[in-house]
Amino acid sequence: MFSDGFKSVFSFFISNIAFDDNKKNAYIKKEFNNLNFYFDLNVPLQHSEYGSRELIIFGYAVDVFNGQSENIAEAMLNSTKSFTDVIEYEKRLGGKYVIFYAENSKCYCLGDATCSVPIFYTVGLNDFMCCSNPNEIIKKYNLKPDPELQKIRDSGSLNQAMPYDVTPYKEIKQLLPNHYLDFSTEKAKRFVNSNKKQKVITSEEAAKVIAPMIENITEFYSSKFKILCPLTSGRDSRVVYAFLKKINRMVNSYTIWKDSFKIDSQDWDVPVELAKISGNNHEQIYKEAITEEKKRSMDETLGVNAYPDDAFVLSVTVNKHYGDCATMEGDIIGQVGKCSLHRNIPSILATPAYFRCKLHNYSKESKKLLKEWLTELKQSGECVNSFDLFSVENRLGVWASHTHLIRNTMGQMYVNMFNSRSIIYTLTAVDRAMRMRSEVHIELIKLAAPELLEIPFEKDNSRIVSFAKSNSLVFYLASFAKYYVQKINFIKNRKMGRG
């Protein structure tokens, strides 16, 4: 808990042991299948029991098909007979939540579509613990980093994710999207979204299917919070802005100044134009300085050198200006909707070496772990392509969790209108060549607020960059070239004590 009054959200602990009394003021304790479940006071919880079966939804969930948000846990339990059915039913949901399911002596945990509430769990300890903040496990058991795992962590910036489901501690793993956790075995198991090759649909068809789902999630969040839209000149935030405008008419947006704007001011100027034609308010704000007190508080909560400083700076800035609001982000529509990481590279090139480039980790061990991830994926029978699954599981599920964990700790509601398996895996049915041209984005904006297309999207100033993005082979080769240039600079900076 922060000394300057921040109250965490989406924080939970579940274990076979009881916690110290000093948790009582910040958390509610609930018995769940002979386990002790603690959750913060600032996020709703739905609980339902039916015979020997029990289910909890912790967080914000809405049925994307009908907009229903009340009694979801009861509806889910009454409509299913097993945990397999629960996983299938979860496709109906969108939002930001964790699901806990128990039947007789078995207990399982399932995150939302991108595990936007981070889920960490213990492996091989005498006690079992699953929680939203790994530092709670570290402090509870006085754990020390594993040398080999720490080597992987040190082989890349804190801004980047570790590969697969590992952390610097061999006793702690992170639950990935498209996986569930079996408490009794302390193991995560993959479930399949599509065991048949997806039928290819057009961008227009996909937009028409998912637009009503996006609207239901947007209306749900709008009924709970005052929504803020971080706005740039890009496509992702404009889709968010379009649907907020359709649902709420009046949209409050902001842009945070970045040093890159000195060279290219598109992201600084275009949002003003968008707000002007929409008749809405837009604010241009600057990064806040981090006080030593805030830094000490975050270090105490998440651990020293356990989170990226720049993500912390942005979170503090957002909290300073809009701490009583919810921030609506668009990263999912970028990662999956326009294939920002992979463009339309042929599937045969989906290798551990390529994914290591996108992970920005410079260790041999990271490549080995990515090979394990690919092997698990292929053996599962999953037919969604591995490029999209890397974006969902490693990029959104692990990389983005840095920001989610910081924002959650600071009490900042950080939500996403695309966070639903039904939305995400409809997008993956669109040919990647269509998606990379932002066709889905354009079709969605046409449906929600077509006037926003009157303002051009951002353009790449460099012809080389523009060419690389448009040619799959050049993009593939450029990814490796960029990786090795960055590796040289990373090693050089580390030797000079700047990394």
Foldseek 3Di string as FASTA:
>chain_A
DAPVDFAFALWKKKWLDDDDPVCVVAWDWDDDLNITITHGPPADKDWDDDVQKIKMKTHFKAQLVPLDGPPPRVVLVVVDDDVVSSVVVQLRMFKFIKMWMDGNNWIKIAGFQQNLQKWKWFDDDPMIMIISACVVVCVVVVFDFDVVLVLQVLQFALLFFFADFDDRGPGMTIAWGQWMATRVNRDIAGDAPDLDAFAADALLVLLVVCLSSLLSLLLSQVVVFQEEQAFFLALQSLLVVLSNCQNPVEHEYEYEDDPCCVVPVRRVPVVVVLCVVSVYHYYYYYWDDDDPSNVVRVCVRRNPSNADPVLLRVLVRCCVVPVRGAYEGRVLCVCQQQVVQQQQADLVPPALVLVCLVSLGDDPVSSVSVNVVVVSVVVNSHNQGPSSVCCSTRVSNTSVSSNSSSNSNSNHHYIYSQRRSNSRVSSSSHRNNNSNVVSSSQSSSVVRPNVSVVRPGDDDPDPLVVVLSNDNVSVSVVSVVVSVVVSVVSVVCVVVVND
